N, C-alpha and C. Protein backbone atom coordinates (compact mmCIF):
# COMPACT_ATOMS: atom_id res chain seq x y z
N MET A 1 -41.25 -88.70 78.78
CA MET A 1 -41.67 -88.36 80.13
C MET A 1 -41.16 -86.98 80.52
N ALA A 2 -41.94 -86.31 81.29
CA ALA A 2 -41.55 -84.99 81.77
C ALA A 2 -40.60 -85.12 82.95
N ARG A 3 -39.80 -84.08 83.15
CA ARG A 3 -38.90 -84.07 84.29
C ARG A 3 -39.66 -83.83 85.57
N LYS A 4 -39.15 -84.37 86.64
CA LYS A 4 -39.77 -84.18 87.94
C LYS A 4 -39.45 -82.78 88.46
N LYS A 5 -40.44 -82.10 89.01
CA LYS A 5 -40.24 -80.77 89.57
C LYS A 5 -39.60 -80.88 90.95
N SER A 6 -38.77 -79.92 91.28
CA SER A 6 -38.13 -79.92 92.59
C SER A 6 -39.17 -79.60 93.67
N ASN A 7 -38.87 -80.01 94.89
CA ASN A 7 -39.80 -79.76 96.00
C ASN A 7 -40.03 -78.28 96.21
N ALA A 8 -39.00 -77.46 96.01
CA ALA A 8 -39.14 -76.01 96.20
C ALA A 8 -40.15 -75.43 95.22
N LYS A 9 -40.07 -75.86 93.96
CA LYS A 9 -41.01 -75.35 92.95
C LYS A 9 -42.42 -75.83 93.24
N VAL A 10 -42.56 -77.06 93.66
CA VAL A 10 -43.88 -77.60 93.98
C VAL A 10 -44.49 -76.84 95.15
N GLN A 11 -43.71 -76.59 96.20
CA GLN A 11 -44.20 -75.85 97.36
C GLN A 11 -44.58 -74.42 96.98
N LYS A 12 -43.81 -73.81 96.10
CA LYS A 12 -44.11 -72.44 95.65
C LYS A 12 -45.46 -72.39 94.94
N VAL A 13 -45.69 -73.34 94.04
CA VAL A 13 -46.96 -73.40 93.31
C VAL A 13 -48.12 -73.68 94.26
N LEU A 14 -47.92 -74.59 95.20
CA LEU A 14 -48.98 -74.89 96.17
C LEU A 14 -49.32 -73.68 97.02
N ASN A 15 -48.32 -72.93 97.46
CA ASN A 15 -48.57 -71.73 98.25
C ASN A 15 -49.32 -70.67 97.46
N GLU A 16 -49.00 -70.53 96.17
CA GLU A 16 -49.72 -69.58 95.33
C GLU A 16 -51.19 -69.97 95.22
N ILE A 17 -51.45 -71.25 95.06
CA ILE A 17 -52.83 -71.73 94.95
C ILE A 17 -53.58 -71.52 96.27
N LYS A 18 -52.95 -71.85 97.38
CA LYS A 18 -53.59 -71.70 98.68
C LYS A 18 -53.90 -70.24 98.98
N ASN A 19 -53.01 -69.33 98.61
CA ASN A 19 -53.21 -67.91 98.90
C ASN A 19 -54.20 -67.25 97.96
N SER A 20 -54.50 -67.89 96.85
CA SER A 20 -55.42 -67.28 95.89
C SER A 20 -56.84 -67.80 96.04
N THR A 21 -57.09 -68.66 97.03
CA THR A 21 -58.43 -69.20 97.20
C THR A 21 -59.38 -68.12 97.70
N PRO A 22 -60.64 -68.18 97.30
CA PRO A 22 -61.61 -67.17 97.72
C PRO A 22 -61.82 -67.18 99.23
N LYS A 23 -62.07 -66.01 99.78
CA LYS A 23 -62.24 -65.87 101.21
C LYS A 23 -63.71 -65.74 101.61
N PHE A 24 -64.56 -65.32 100.67
CA PHE A 24 -65.96 -65.09 100.97
C PHE A 24 -66.83 -65.91 100.03
N LYS A 25 -67.93 -66.43 100.57
CA LYS A 25 -68.92 -67.16 99.78
C LYS A 25 -70.24 -66.44 99.98
N LEU A 26 -70.82 -65.98 98.88
CA LEU A 26 -72.03 -65.16 98.93
C LEU A 26 -73.14 -65.86 98.17
N GLN A 27 -74.28 -66.06 98.84
CA GLN A 27 -75.43 -66.69 98.21
C GLN A 27 -76.38 -65.60 97.77
N LEU A 28 -76.51 -65.45 96.44
CA LEU A 28 -77.36 -64.39 95.88
C LEU A 28 -78.83 -64.76 95.95
N ASP A 29 -79.16 -66.00 95.61
CA ASP A 29 -80.52 -66.51 95.73
C ASP A 29 -80.42 -68.01 96.02
N SER A 30 -81.52 -68.70 95.94
CA SER A 30 -81.51 -70.11 96.34
C SER A 30 -80.65 -70.98 95.41
N ARG A 31 -80.41 -70.53 94.18
CA ARG A 31 -79.65 -71.33 93.22
C ARG A 31 -78.26 -70.79 92.92
N THR A 32 -77.97 -69.56 93.29
CA THR A 32 -76.73 -68.92 92.88
C THR A 32 -75.84 -68.59 94.07
N THR A 33 -74.64 -69.16 94.06
CA THR A 33 -73.64 -68.88 95.07
C THR A 33 -72.35 -68.49 94.36
N ILE A 34 -71.73 -67.40 94.80
CA ILE A 34 -70.48 -66.96 94.20
C ILE A 34 -69.40 -66.89 95.27
N THR A 35 -68.14 -66.95 94.84
CA THR A 35 -67.02 -66.83 95.75
C THR A 35 -66.25 -65.56 95.41
N LEU A 36 -65.81 -64.87 96.44
CA LEU A 36 -65.11 -63.60 96.27
C LEU A 36 -63.80 -63.62 97.04
N LYS A 37 -62.81 -62.90 96.53
CA LYS A 37 -61.49 -62.88 97.17
C LYS A 37 -61.31 -61.71 98.12
N THR A 38 -61.88 -60.56 97.78
CA THR A 38 -61.61 -59.36 98.57
C THR A 38 -62.88 -58.79 99.18
N GLU A 39 -62.68 -57.99 100.20
CA GLU A 39 -63.80 -57.35 100.87
C GLU A 39 -64.44 -56.28 99.99
N GLU A 40 -63.64 -55.66 99.10
CA GLU A 40 -64.19 -54.66 98.18
C GLU A 40 -65.18 -55.31 97.21
N GLN A 41 -64.84 -56.52 96.75
CA GLN A 41 -65.76 -57.24 95.88
C GLN A 41 -67.05 -57.58 96.63
N LEU A 42 -66.90 -57.95 97.89
CA LEU A 42 -68.05 -58.28 98.71
C LEU A 42 -68.98 -57.08 98.85
N LYS A 43 -68.42 -55.91 99.12
CA LYS A 43 -69.23 -54.70 99.26
C LYS A 43 -69.97 -54.38 97.97
N LYS A 44 -69.28 -54.52 96.84
CA LYS A 44 -69.89 -54.24 95.54
C LYS A 44 -71.08 -55.17 95.28
N TRP A 45 -70.90 -56.46 95.54
CA TRP A 45 -71.98 -57.43 95.30
C TRP A 45 -73.13 -57.22 96.28
N MET A 46 -72.82 -56.83 97.50
CA MET A 46 -73.88 -56.58 98.48
C MET A 46 -74.71 -55.36 98.09
N GLN A 47 -74.11 -54.40 97.41
CA GLN A 47 -74.87 -53.25 96.93
C GLN A 47 -75.80 -53.65 95.78
N MET A 48 -75.31 -54.53 94.91
CA MET A 48 -76.12 -54.98 93.78
C MET A 48 -77.23 -55.94 94.21
N TYR A 49 -76.94 -56.76 95.24
CA TYR A 49 -77.89 -57.75 95.73
C TYR A 49 -78.04 -57.58 97.24
N PRO A 50 -78.88 -56.66 97.67
CA PRO A 50 -79.00 -56.41 99.13
C PRO A 50 -79.55 -57.59 99.92
N LYS A 51 -80.26 -58.51 99.27
CA LYS A 51 -80.82 -59.66 99.97
C LYS A 51 -79.85 -60.84 100.03
N ALA A 52 -78.65 -60.67 99.49
CA ALA A 52 -77.66 -61.75 99.46
C ALA A 52 -77.21 -62.07 100.89
N GLU A 53 -76.84 -63.34 101.10
CA GLU A 53 -76.40 -63.79 102.41
C GLU A 53 -74.97 -64.28 102.34
N LEU A 54 -74.19 -63.93 103.34
CA LEU A 54 -72.82 -64.41 103.44
C LEU A 54 -72.84 -65.81 104.05
N VAL A 55 -72.29 -66.78 103.34
CA VAL A 55 -72.30 -68.17 103.79
C VAL A 55 -70.94 -68.50 104.40
N ALA A 56 -70.96 -69.14 105.54
CA ALA A 56 -69.70 -69.49 106.21
C ALA A 56 -69.13 -70.77 105.69
């Protein structure tokens, strides 16, 4: 059996996961939806796909 992780380590890992979640959801067409973390990525994808829609 593996050792149990301390609460501090578990909270640290959970915070890393929560902070790394995507902030933007972009629908490129009716079948394709992507998630993006930064606004720079969003601008780049909007230039490549001008008809893309930002989904809330």
